[in-house]
Amino acid sequence: AATATTGSTFLTAGGLLLAYSIGLGVPFLAAAIAINQMKGLMKRLQKRMRLISTLSGAFLILVGVLLLNGELERLAQTGGSFADFTYNLQECTVGLFSGAVPISDWGTCMNLGPNYKYRLEQGSLTPTPATPEVTPTPVASSNTSPVGALEVGTPAPNFSTQSPEGAPITLESYRGKVLLVNFWATWCGPCRSEMPVFQQLGAKYAPDGFEILALNFGESAETIQRFLTDQQLDLKVGMDVSGKINLAYKVLGYPTTYVIGRDGKIIARFTGPVEAATLEAAVQKWLKGL
């Protein structure tokens, strides 16, 4: 019995030692094989280094030409239509399966965006239907408050800038009014979807002291003006080409919206697109000082 027990113990120990050896050796073996293959790949690349250098140089020259003649901006602007398409597709499909968008309204939702009901009720202008084209992937954050964002109740950082037409714009000039400052870019799909709603609310509540300023990040006056014309928008737009205002307001994603009260203090902040009806209800409260 003792011999059997001893043999069993040795067998178990041997099995454990073998498993340990395999576990220790296999990663090193795999690494050695990978390194050997990488050496072969590098040798093949070295043989074609002149071709790679030529193609890389040609690509850089192409980018330079596009940058100089403005085609790079045009491509970014054109690509915004695809940003609209992908954003509308996502939101309208989710709405369809959740029951918020009837199947009969799905096409309208795709053309006008997820706020289509509100826009139809308000008689908004119909934008150019979204069609898929090649575009950079837009960055838009969720409705959660970003870490480090300016807190509600704190004074809004002062700034001065200009419109695409060259007219001066200062935050101080809006003192005594409720000002919605929207940080956006033409390539941001959710940003583009909000613009018609901002235009409607700005026109509707302007007599009550409500103003909207859309601060564009990093794009030229020509790009912004072309976008406004194509989308049939008439909004007060400011330019933040250097990004200094974005830094002052700690903008981490687009769209980001701050609402500044009559006393110059921040009364609300939104990160991500805002539902139209929710925003209008909030505007009514802000104007009443609630």
C-alpha atoms as a PDB file:
ATOM      1  CA  ALA A   1       0.000   0.000   0.000  1.00  0.00           C
ATOM      2  CA  ALA A   2       2.852   2.322   0.907  1.00  0.00           C
ATOM      3  CA  THR A   3       4.547   1.561  -2.422  1.00  0.00           C
ATOM      4  CA  ALA A   4       1.350   2.288  -4.332  1.00  0.00           C
ATOM      5  CA  THR A   5       0.900   5.565  -2.456  1.00  0.00           C
ATOM      6  CA  THR A   6       4.479   6.613  -3.124  1.00  0.00           C
ATOM      7  CA  GLY A   7       4.138   5.800  -6.819  1.00  0.00           C
ATOM      8  CA  SER A   8       0.936   7.804  -7.030  1.00  0.00           C
ATOM      9  CA  THR A   9       2.640  10.779  -5.385  1.00  0.00           C
ATOM     10  CA  PHE A  10       5.567  10.652  -7.805  1.00  0.00           C
ATOM     11  CA  LEU A  11       3.146  10.407 -10.730  1.00  0.00           C
ATOM     12  CA  THR A  12       1.219  13.464  -9.548  1.00  0.00           C
ATOM     13  CA  ALA A  13       4.415  15.424  -8.937  1.00  0.00           C
ATOM     14  CA  GLY A  14       5.734  14.472 -12.366  1.00  0.00           C
ATOM     15  CA  GLY A  15       2.513  15.570 -14.033  1.00  0.00           C
ATOM     16  CA  LEU A  16       2.569  18.912 -12.235  1.00  0.00           C
ATOM     17  CA  LEU A  17       6.225  19.444 -13.140  1.00  0.00           C
ATOM     18  CA  LEU A  18       5.495  18.639 -16.790  1.00  0.00           C
ATOM     19  CA  ALA A  19       2.548  21.057 -16.862  1.00  0.00           C
ATOM     20  CA  TYR A  20       4.701  23.758 -15.259  1.00  0.00           C
ATOM     21  CA  SER A  21       7.482  23.189 -17.784  1.00  0.00           C
ATOM     22  CA  ILE A  22       5.072  23.376 -20.714  1.00  0.00           C
ATOM     23  CA  GLY A  23       3.441  26.515 -19.323  1.00  0.00           C
ATOM     24  CA  LEU A  24       6.833  28.134 -18.843  1.00  0.00           C
ATOM     25  CA  GLY A  25       8.338  27.033 -22.122  1.00  0.00           C
ATOM     26  CA  VAL A  26       5.498  27.518 -24.615  1.00  0.00           C
ATOM     27  CA  PRO A  27       5.409  31.347 -24.342  1.00  0.00           C
ATOM     28  CA  PHE A  28       9.173  31.542 -24.891  1.00  0.00           C
ATOM     29  CA  LEU A  29       8.914  29.157 -27.825  1.00  0.00           C
ATOM     30  CA  ALA A  30       6.078  31.190 -29.356  1.00  0.00           C
ATOM     31  CA  ALA A  31       8.058  34.395 -28.840  1.00  0.00           C
ATOM     32  CA  ALA A  32      11.108  32.872 -30.520  1.00  0.00           C
ATOM     33  CA  ILE A  33       9.037  31.783 -33.526  1.00  0.00           C
ATOM     34  CA  ALA A  34       7.433  35.227 -33.766  1.00  0.00           C
ATOM     35  CA  ILE A  35      10.816  36.975 -33.588  1.00  0.00           C
ATOM     36  CA  ASN A  36      12.179  34.701 -36.288  1.00  0.00           C
ATOM     37  CA  GLN A  37       9.204  35.484 -38.539  1.00  0.00           C
ATOM     38  CA  MET A  38       9.550  39.205 -37.832  1.00  0.00           C
ATOM     39  CA  LYS A  39      13.197  39.043 -38.918  1.00  0.00           C
ATOM     40  CA  GLY A  40      12.084  37.508 -42.195  1.00  0.00           C
ATOM     41  CA  LEU A  41       9.422  40.173 -42.633  1.00  0.00           C
ATOM     42  CA  MET A  42      11.916  42.954 -41.925  1.00  0.00           C
ATOM     43  CA  LYS A  43      14.328  41.512 -44.485  1.00  0.00           C
ATOM     44  CA  ARG A  44      11.563  41.480 -47.108  1.00  0.00           C
ATOM     45  CA  LEU A  45      10.615  45.054 -46.221  1.00  0.00           C
ATOM     46  CA  GLN A  46      14.231  46.176 -46.474  1.00  0.00           C
ATOM     47  CA  LYS A  47      14.358  44.842 -50.026  1.00  0.00           C
ATOM     48  CA  ARG A  48      11.361  47.042 -50.881  1.00  0.00           C
ATOM     49  CA  MET A  49      12.402  50.056 -48.818  1.00  0.00           C
ATOM     50  CA  ARG A  50      12.951  52.227 -51.891  1.00  0.00           C
ATOM     51  CA  LEU A  51       9.400  51.527 -53.094  1.00  0.00           C
ATOM     52  CA  ILE A  52       7.985  52.183 -49.621  1.00  0.00           C
ATOM     53  CA  SER A  53       9.893  55.472 -49.390  1.00  0.00           C
ATOM     54  CA  THR A  54       8.655  56.521 -52.834  1.00  0.00           C
ATOM     55  CA  LEU A  55       5.019  55.743 -51.999  1.00  0.00           C
ATOM     56  CA  SER A  56       5.271  57.510 -48.626  1.00  0.00           C
ATOM     57  CA  GLY A  57       6.776  60.585 -50.253  1.00  0.00           C
ATOM     58  CA  ALA A  58       4.078  60.630 -52.926  1.00  0.00           C
ATOM     59  CA  PHE A  59       1.384  60.401 -50.253  1.00  0.00           C
ATOM     60  CA  LEU A  60       2.871  63.328 -48.304  1.00  0.00           C
ATOM     61  CA  ILE A  61       3.071  65.396 -51.498  1.00  0.00           C
ATOM     62  CA  LEU A  62      -0.586  64.592 -52.233  1.00  0.00           C
ATOM     63  CA  VAL A  63      -1.637  65.668 -48.735  1.00  0.00           C
ATOM     64  CA  GLY A  64       0.336  68.896 -49.155  1.00  0.00           C
ATOM     65  CA  VAL A  65      -1.325  69.670 -52.493  1.00  0.00           C
ATOM     66  CA  LEU A  66      -4.791  68.985 -51.059  1.00  0.00           C
ATOM     67  CA  LEU A  67      -4.017  71.225 -48.102  1.00  0.00           C
ATOM     68  CA  LEU A  68      -2.769  74.097 -50.271  1.00  0.00           C
ATOM     69  CA  ASN A  69      -5.687  74.126 -52.710  1.00  0.00           C
ATOM     70  CA  GLY A  70      -8.365  73.675 -50.044  1.00  0.00           C
ATOM     71  CA  GLU A  71      -9.469  70.240 -51.207  1.00  0.00           C
ATOM     72  CA  LEU A  72      -8.739  68.733 -47.788  1.00  0.00           C
ATOM     73  CA  GLU A  73     -11.304  71.043 -46.187  1.00  0.00           C
ATOM     74  CA  ARG A  74     -13.781  70.294 -48.963  1.00  0.00           C
ATOM     75  CA  LEU A  75     -13.414  66.561 -48.374  1.00  0.00           C
ATOM     76  CA  ALA A  76     -13.957  67.030 -44.642  1.00  0.00           C
ATOM     77  CA  GLN A  77     -17.045  69.134 -45.339  1.00  0.00           C
ATOM     78  CA  THR A  78     -18.414  66.661 -47.881  1.00  0.00           C
ATOM     79  CA  GLY A  79     -17.791  63.792 -45.515  1.00  0.00           C
ATOM     80  CA  GLY A  80     -20.098  65.374 -42.951  1.00  0.00           C
ATOM     81  CA  SER A  81     -23.048  63.997 -44.914  1.00  0.00           C
ATOM     82  CA  PHE A  82     -21.891  60.493 -44.079  1.00  0.00           C
ATOM     83  CA  ALA A  83     -21.644  61.525 -40.421  1.00  0.00           C
ATOM     84  CA  ASP A  84     -25.303  62.576 -40.619  1.00  0.00           C
ATOM     85  CA  PHE A  85     -26.235  59.306 -42.288  1.00  0.00           C
ATOM     86  CA  THR A  86     -24.504  57.075 -39.731  1.00  0.00           C
ATOM     87  CA  TYR A  87     -25.862  59.053 -36.765  1.00  0.00           C
ATOM     88  CA  ASN A  88     -29.422  59.050 -38.127  1.00  0.00           C
ATOM     89  CA  LEU A  89     -29.172  55.352 -38.980  1.00  0.00           C
ATOM     90  CA  GLN A  90     -28.119  54.505 -35.437  1.00  0.00           C
ATOM     91  CA  GLU A  91     -30.687  56.665 -33.652  1.00  0.00           C
ATOM     92  CA  CYS A  92     -33.615  55.903 -35.968  1.00  0.00           C
ATOM     93  CA  THR A  93     -32.969  52.156 -35.885  1.00  0.00           C
ATOM     94  CA  VAL A  94     -32.813  52.175 -32.086  1.00  0.00           C
ATOM     95  CA  GLY A  95     -36.030  54.209 -32.053  1.00  0.00           C
ATOM     96  CA  LEU A  96     -37.664  51.742 -34.433  1.00  0.00           C
ATOM     97  CA  PHE A  97     -36.944  48.733 -32.222  1.00  0.00           C
ATOM     98  CA  SER A  98     -37.815  50.596 -29.013  1.00  0.00           C
ATOM     99  CA  GLY A  99     -41.156  51.747 -30.431  1.00  0.00           C
ATOM    100  CA  ALA A 100     -40.303  55.461 -30.399  1.00  0.00           C
ATOM    101  CA  VAL A 101     -40.177  55.619 -34.211  1.00  0.00           C
ATOM    102  CA  PRO A 102     -43.070  53.961 -36.123  1.00  0.00           C
ATOM    103  CA  ILE A 103     -41.947  51.946 -39.123  1.00  0.00           C
ATOM    104  CA  SER A 104     -43.935  54.304 -41.370  1.00  0.00           C
ATOM    105  CA  ASP A 105     -41.828  57.240 -40.079  1.00  0.00           C
ATOM    106  CA  TRP A 106     -38.442  55.563 -40.436  1.00  0.00           C
ATOM    107  CA  GLY A 107     -37.667  57.192 -43.801  1.00  0.00           C
ATOM    108  CA  THR A 108     -38.605  60.631 -42.462  1.00  0.00           C
ATOM    109  CA  CYS A 109     -36.442  60.038 -39.406  1.00  0.00           C
ATOM    110  CA  MET A 110     -33.494  59.123 -41.646  1.00  0.00           C
ATOM    111  CA  ASN A 111     -33.895  62.343 -43.668  1.00  0.00           C
ATOM    112  CA  LEU A 112     -34.618  64.791 -40.832  1.00  0.00           C
ATOM    113  CA  GLY A 113     -32.871  63.108 -37.899  1.00  0.00           C
ATOM    114  CA  PRO A 114     -34.135  61.680 -34.599  1.00  0.00           C
ATOM    115  CA  ASN A 115     -35.778  65.028 -33.724  1.00  0.00           C
ATOM    116  CA  TYR A 116     -37.951  64.797 -36.860  1.00  0.00           C
ATOM    117  CA  LYS A 117     -41.277  65.012 -34.976  1.00  0.00           C
ATOM    118  CA  TYR A 118     -40.296  68.231 -33.245  1.00  0.00           C
ATOM    119  CA  ARG A 119     -38.939  69.726 -36.451  1.00  0.00           C
ATOM    120  CA  LEU A 120     -42.099  68.896 -38.405  1.00  0.00           C
ATOM    121  CA  GLU A 121     -44.268  70.372 -35.654  1.00  0.00           C
ATOM    122  CA  GLN A 122     -42.217  73.584 -35.673  1.00  0.00           C
ATOM    123  CA  GLY A 123     -42.214  73.791 -39.482  1.00  0.00           C
ATOM    124  CA  SER A 124     -38.437  73.644 -39.795  1.00  0.00           C
ATOM    125  CA  LEU A 125     -36.597  73.774 -43.085  1.00  0.00           C
ATOM    126  CA  THR A 126     -35.914  70.380 -44.601  1.00  0.00           C
ATOM    127  CA  PRO A 127     -32.161  69.773 -44.823  1.00  0.00           C
ATOM    128  CA  THR A 128     -30.389  68.064 -47.669  1.00  0.00           C
ATOM    129  CA  PRO A 129     -31.086  64.302 -47.339  1.00  0.00           C
ATOM    130  CA  ALA A 130     -28.132  62.464 -45.870  1.00  0.00           C
ATOM    131  CA  THR A 131     -26.239  60.272 -48.319  1.00  0.00           C
ATOM    132  CA  PRO A 132     -23.328  58.008 -47.428  1.00  0.00           C
ATOM    133  CA  GLU A 133     -19.902  59.267 -48.463  1.00  0.00           C
ATOM    134  CA  VAL A 134     -16.362  58.697 -47.205  1.00  0.00           C
ATOM    135  CA  THR A 135     -15.602  60.688 -44.040  1.00  0.00           C
ATOM    136  CA  PRO A 136     -13.380  60.786 -40.982  1.00  0.00           C
ATOM    137  CA  THR A 137     -15.027  59.178 -37.975  1.00  0.00           C
ATOM    138  CA  PRO A 138     -16.576  61.950 -35.851  1.00  0.00           C
ATOM    139  CA  VAL A 139     -16.046  62.026 -32.139  1.00  0.00           C
ATOM    140  CA  ALA A 140     -19.120  62.690 -29.990  1.00  0.00           C
ATOM    141  CA  SER A 141     -19.379  61.940 -26.337  1.00  0.00           C
ATOM    142  CA  SER A 142     -22.263  60.718 -24.207  1.00  0.00           C
ATOM    143  CA  ASN A 143     -24.592  62.694 -21.987  1.00  0.00           C
ATOM    144  CA  THR A 144     -22.507  62.021 -18.910  1.00  0.00           C
ATOM    145  CA  SER A 145     -20.635  64.948 -17.360  1.00  0.00           C
ATOM    146  CA  PRO A 146     -16.954  64.732 -18.270  1.00  0.00           C
ATOM    147  CA  VAL A 147     -14.331  64.734 -15.562  1.00  0.00           C
ATOM    148  CA  GLY A 148     -12.899  68.233 -15.134  1.00  0.00           C
ATOM    149  CA  ALA A 149     -15.764  70.037 -16.905  1.00  0.00           C
ATOM    150  CA  LEU A 150     -16.765  73.480 -15.669  1.00  0.00           C
ATOM    151  CA  GLU A 151     -19.279  73.229 -12.856  1.00  0.00           C
ATOM    152  CA  VAL A 152     -22.763  74.709 -12.888  1.00  0.00           C
ATOM    153  CA  GLY A 153     -22.837  77.873 -10.790  1.00  0.00           C
ATOM    154  CA  THR A 154     -19.305  79.008 -11.650  1.00  0.00           C
ATOM    155  CA  PRO A 155     -18.600  82.141 -13.726  1.00  0.00           C
ATOM    156  CA  ALA A 156     -18.288  81.407 -17.434  1.00  0.00           C
ATOM    157  CA  PRO A 157     -14.769  82.103 -18.758  1.00  0.00           C
ATOM    158  CA  ASN A 158     -14.760  85.285 -20.789  1.00  0.00           C
ATOM    159  CA  PHE A 159     -13.740  85.114 -24.433  1.00  0.00           C
ATOM    160  CA  SER A 160     -13.599  87.168 -27.590  1.00  0.00           C
ATOM    161  CA  THR A 161     -13.613  85.879 -31.149  1.00  0.00           C
ATOM    162  CA  GLN A 162     -15.159  86.692 -34.494  1.00  0.00           C
ATOM    163  CA  SER A 163     -17.787  85.380 -36.881  1.00  0.00           C
ATOM    164  CA  PRO A 164     -16.879  83.792 -40.241  1.00  0.00           C
ATOM    165  CA  GLU A 165     -17.668  87.195 -41.778  1.00  0.00           C
ATOM    166  CA  GLY A 166     -15.151  88.893 -39.457  1.00  0.00           C
ATOM    167  CA  ALA A 167     -17.593  90.545 -37.031  1.00  0.00           C
ATOM    168  CA  PRO A 168     -16.299  90.709 -33.415  1.00  0.00           C
ATOM    169  CA  ILE A 169     -17.997  88.521 -30.797  1.00  0.00           C
ATOM    170  CA  THR A 170     -17.503  88.777 -27.025  1.00  0.00           C
ATOM    171  CA  LEU A 171     -19.136  86.935 -24.166  1.00  0.00           C
ATOM    172  CA  GLU A 172     -19.542  90.219 -22.298  1.00  0.00           C
ATOM    173  CA  SER A 173     -21.868  91.516 -25.024  1.00  0.00           C
ATOM    174  CA  TYR A 174     -24.429  88.861 -24.026  1.00  0.00           C
ATOM    175  CA  ARG A 175     -24.604  89.942 -20.375  1.00  0.00           C
ATOM    176  CA  GLY A 176     -28.233  90.250 -19.271  1.00  0.00           C
ATOM    177  CA  LYS A 177     -29.377  87.476 -21.608  1.00  0.00           C
ATOM    178  CA  VAL A 178     -29.568  83.700 -21.366  1.00  0.00           C
ATOM    179  CA  LEU A 179     -26.907  82.425 -23.763  1.00  0.00           C
ATOM    180  CA  LEU A 180     -26.564  78.880 -25.089  1.00  0.00           C
ATOM    181  CA  VAL A 181     -22.995  78.245 -26.270  1.00  0.00           C
ATOM    182  CA  ASN A 182     -22.676  75.149 -28.438  1.00  0.00           C
ATOM    183  CA  PHE A 183     -19.224  73.744 -29.258  1.00  0.00           C
ATOM    184  CA  TRP A 184     -19.385  71.928 -32.579  1.00  0.00           C
ATOM    185  CA  ALA A 185     -17.703  71.024 -35.886  1.00  0.00           C
ATOM    186  CA  THR A 186     -19.079  70.395 -39.360  1.00  0.00           C
ATOM    187  CA  TRP A 187     -17.822  66.772 -39.371  1.00  0.00           C
ATOM    188  CA  CYS A 188     -19.713  65.887 -36.167  1.00  0.00           C
ATOM    189  CA  GLY A 189     -22.985  64.127 -37.055  1.00  0.00           C
ATOM    190  CA  PRO A 190     -24.809  64.770 -33.748  1.00  0.00           C
ATOM    191  CA  CYS A 191     -23.724  68.430 -33.917  1.00  0.00           C
ATOM    192  CA  ARG A 192     -25.233  68.827 -37.373  1.00  0.00           C
ATOM    193  CA  SER A 193     -28.464  67.173 -36.228  1.00  0.00           C
ATOM    194  CA  GLU A 194     -28.901  69.729 -33.420  1.00  0.00           C
ATOM    195  CA  MET A 195     -28.422  72.837 -35.532  1.00  0.00           C
ATOM    196  CA  PRO A 196     -31.987  73.174 -36.911  1.00  0.00           C
ATOM    197  CA  VAL A 197     -33.396  72.814 -33.391  1.00  0.00           C
ATOM    198  CA  PHE A 198     -31.066  75.529 -32.084  1.00  0.00           C
ATOM    199  CA  GLN A 199     -32.144  77.797 -34.919  1.00  0.00           C
ATOM    200  CA  GLN A 200     -35.838  77.286 -34.130  1.00  0.00           C
ATOM    201  CA  LEU A 201     -35.424  77.869 -30.405  1.00  0.00           C
ATOM    202  CA  GLY A 202     -33.211  80.906 -30.951  1.00  0.00           C
ATOM    203  CA  ALA A 203     -35.790  82.549 -33.208  1.00  0.00           C
ATOM    204  CA  LYS A 204     -38.718  81.594 -30.978  1.00  0.00           C
ATOM    205  CA  TYR A 205     -37.307  82.837 -27.667  1.00  0.00           C
ATOM    206  CA  ALA A 206     -35.098  85.732 -28.824  1.00  0.00           C
ATOM    207  CA  PRO A 207     -37.760  88.293 -27.784  1.00  0.00           C
ATOM    208  CA  ASP A 208     -37.528  86.885 -24.239  1.00  0.00           C
ATOM    209  CA  GLY A 209     -33.751  87.360 -24.056  1.00  0.00           C
ATOM    210  CA  PHE A 210     -32.513  83.959 -25.244  1.00  0.00           C
ATOM    211  CA  GLU A 211     -29.528  83.804 -27.596  1.00  0.00           C
ATOM    212  CA  ILE A 212     -27.559  81.000 -29.221  1.00  0.00           C
ATOM    213  CA  LEU A 213     -23.891  81.100 -30.186  1.00  0.00           C
ATOM    214  CA  ALA A 214     -22.453  78.140 -32.096  1.00  0.00           C
ATOM    215  CA  LEU A 215     -18.675  78.050 -31.546  1.00  0.00           C
ATOM    216  CA  ASN A 216     -16.976  76.092 -34.298  1.00  0.00           C
ATOM    217  CA  PHE A 217     -13.710  74.336 -33.528  1.00  0.00           C
ATOM    218  CA  GLY A 218     -10.709  74.500 -35.819  1.00  0.00           C
ATOM    219  CA  GLU A 219     -12.320  75.088 -39.227  1.00  0.00           C
ATOM    220  CA  SER A 220     -11.959  77.907 -41.727  1.00  0.00           C
ATOM    221  CA  ALA A 221     -14.500  80.636 -42.392  1.00  0.00           C
ATOM    222  CA  GLU A 222     -15.086  79.241 -45.895  1.00  0.00           C
ATOM    223  CA  THR A 223     -15.860  75.757 -44.565  1.00  0.00           C
ATOM    224  CA  ILE A 224     -18.305  77.110 -41.987  1.00  0.00           C
ATOM    225  CA  GLN A 225     -20.079  79.416 -44.446  1.00  0.00           C
ATOM    226  CA  ARG A 226     -20.414  76.628 -46.996  1.00  0.00           C
ATOM    227  CA  PHE A 227     -21.897  74.352 -44.333  1.00  0.00           C
ATOM    228  CA  LEU A 228     -24.438  76.968 -43.213  1.00  0.00           C
ATOM    229  CA  THR A 229     -25.473  77.600 -46.812  1.00  0.00           C
ATOM    230  CA  ASP A 230     -25.796  73.911 -47.674  1.00  0.00           C
ATOM    231  CA  GLN A 231     -27.856  73.211 -44.547  1.00  0.00           C
ATOM    232  CA  GLN A 232     -30.002  76.375 -44.909  1.00  0.00           C
ATOM    233  CA  LEU A 233     -29.048  77.573 -41.439  1.00  0.00           C
ATOM    234  CA  ASP A 234     -29.071  81.121 -40.087  1.00  0.00           C
ATOM    235  CA  LEU A 235     -27.238  80.886 -36.761  1.00  0.00           C
ATOM    236  CA  LYS A 236     -24.848  83.195 -34.939  1.00  0.00           C
ATOM    237  CA  VAL A 237     -21.529  81.393 -35.341  1.00  0.00           C
ATOM    238  CA  GLY A 238     -18.183  82.116 -33.716  1.00  0.00           C
ATOM    239  CA  MET A 239     -14.798  80.671 -34.655  1.00  0.00           C
ATOM    240  CA  ASP A 240     -12.298  78.983 -32.346  1.00  0.00           C
ATOM    241  CA  VAL A 241      -9.542  78.109 -34.792  1.00  0.00           C
ATOM    242  CA  SER A 242      -6.801  77.856 -32.153  1.00  0.00           C
ATOM    243  CA  GLY A 243      -8.932  75.902 -29.669  1.00  0.00           C
ATOM    244  CA  LYS A 244      -8.293  78.355 -26.806  1.00  0.00           C
ATOM    245  CA  ILE A 245     -11.989  78.762 -26.001  1.00  0.00           C
ATOM    246  CA  ASN A 246     -12.473  74.986 -26.080  1.00  0.00           C
ATOM    247  CA  LEU A 247      -9.621  74.644 -23.584  1.00  0.00           C
ATOM    248  CA  ALA A 248     -11.062  77.355 -21.336  1.00  0.00           C
ATOM    249  CA  TYR A 249     -14.393  75.524 -21.246  1.00  0.00           C
ATOM    250  CA  LYS A 250     -12.700  72.110 -20.913  1.00  0.00           C
ATOM    251  CA  VAL A 251     -14.477  70.655 -23.932  1.00  0.00           C
ATOM    252  CA  LEU A 252     -13.661  66.947 -24.260  1.00  0.00           C
ATOM    253  CA  GLY A 253     -16.112  65.886 -26.986  1.00  0.00           C
ATOM    254  CA  TYR A 254     -18.608  67.194 -29.500  1.00  0.00           C
ATOM    255  CA  PRO A 255     -21.235  68.410 -29.229  1.00  0.00           C
ATOM    256  CA  THR A 256     -20.775  70.112 -25.862  1.00  0.00           C
ATOM    257  CA  THR A 257     -23.227  72.793 -24.773  1.00  0.00           C
ATOM    258  CA  TYR A 258     -23.032  75.334 -21.949  1.00  0.00           C
ATOM    259  CA  VAL A 259     -25.879  77.623 -20.929  1.00  0.00           C
ATOM    260  CA  ILE A 260     -24.866  80.926 -19.337  1.00  0.00           C
ATOM    261  CA  GLY A 261     -27.341  82.880 -17.238  1.00  0.00           C
ATOM    262  CA  ARG A 262     -28.060  86.598 -17.272  1.00  0.00           C
ATOM    263  CA  ASP A 263     -25.473  87.121 -14.527  1.00  0.00           C
ATOM    264  CA  GLY A 264     -22.677  85.446 -16.486  1.00  0.00           C
ATOM    265  CA  LYS A 265     -22.681  82.197 -14.512  1.00  0.00           C
ATOM    266  CA  ILE A 266     -23.084  78.705 -15.936  1.00  0.00           C
ATOM    267  CA  ILE A 267     -26.602  77.387 -15.314  1.00  0.00           C
ATOM    268  CA  ALA A 268     -26.497  74.159 -17.358  1.00  0.00           C
ATOM    269  CA  ARG A 269     -24.126  71.887 -19.251  1.00  0.00           C
ATOM    270  CA  PHE A 270     -24.770  69.130 -21.782  1.00  0.00           C
ATOM    271  CA  THR A 271     -22.237  66.732 -23.268  1.00  0.00           C
ATOM    272  CA  GLY A 272     -23.675  65.051 -26.339  1.00  0.00           C
ATOM    273  CA  PRO A 273     -26.846  65.814 -28.314  1.00  0.00           C
ATOM    274  CA  VAL A 274     -29.867  67.173 -26.433  1.00  0.00           C
ATOM    275  CA  GLU A 275     -33.423  66.000 -27.165  1.00  0.00           C
ATOM    276  CA  ALA A 276     -35.401  68.888 -28.669  1.00  0.00           C
ATOM    277  CA  ALA A 277     -38.456  68.831 -26.389  1.00  0.00           C
ATOM    278  CA  THR A 278     -36.254  68.514 -23.298  1.00  0.00           C
ATOM    279  CA  LEU A 279     -34.184  71.491 -24.395  1.00  0.00           C
ATOM    280  CA  GLU A 280     -37.209  73.700 -25.070  1.00  0.00           C
ATOM    281  CA  ALA A 281     -38.692  72.900 -21.661  1.00  0.00           C
ATOM    282  CA  ALA A 282     -35.353  73.822 -20.088  1.00  0.00           C
ATOM    283  CA  VAL A 283     -35.177  77.092 -22.045  1.00  0.00           C
ATOM    284  CA  GLN A 284     -38.555  78.127 -20.660  1.00  0.00           C
ATOM    285  CA  LYS A 285     -37.321  77.487 -17.104  1.00  0.00           C
ATOM    286  CA  TRP A 286     -34.050  79.349 -17.645  1.00  0.00           C
ATOM    287  CA  LEU A 287     -35.872  82.403 -18.956  1.00  0.00           C
ATOM    288  CA  LYS A 288     -38.044  82.389 -15.841  1.00  0.00           C
ATOM    289  CA  GLY A 289     -34.942  82.172 -13.660  1.00  0.00           C
ATOM    290  CA  LEU A 290     -35.825  78.713 -12.347  1.00  0.00           C
END
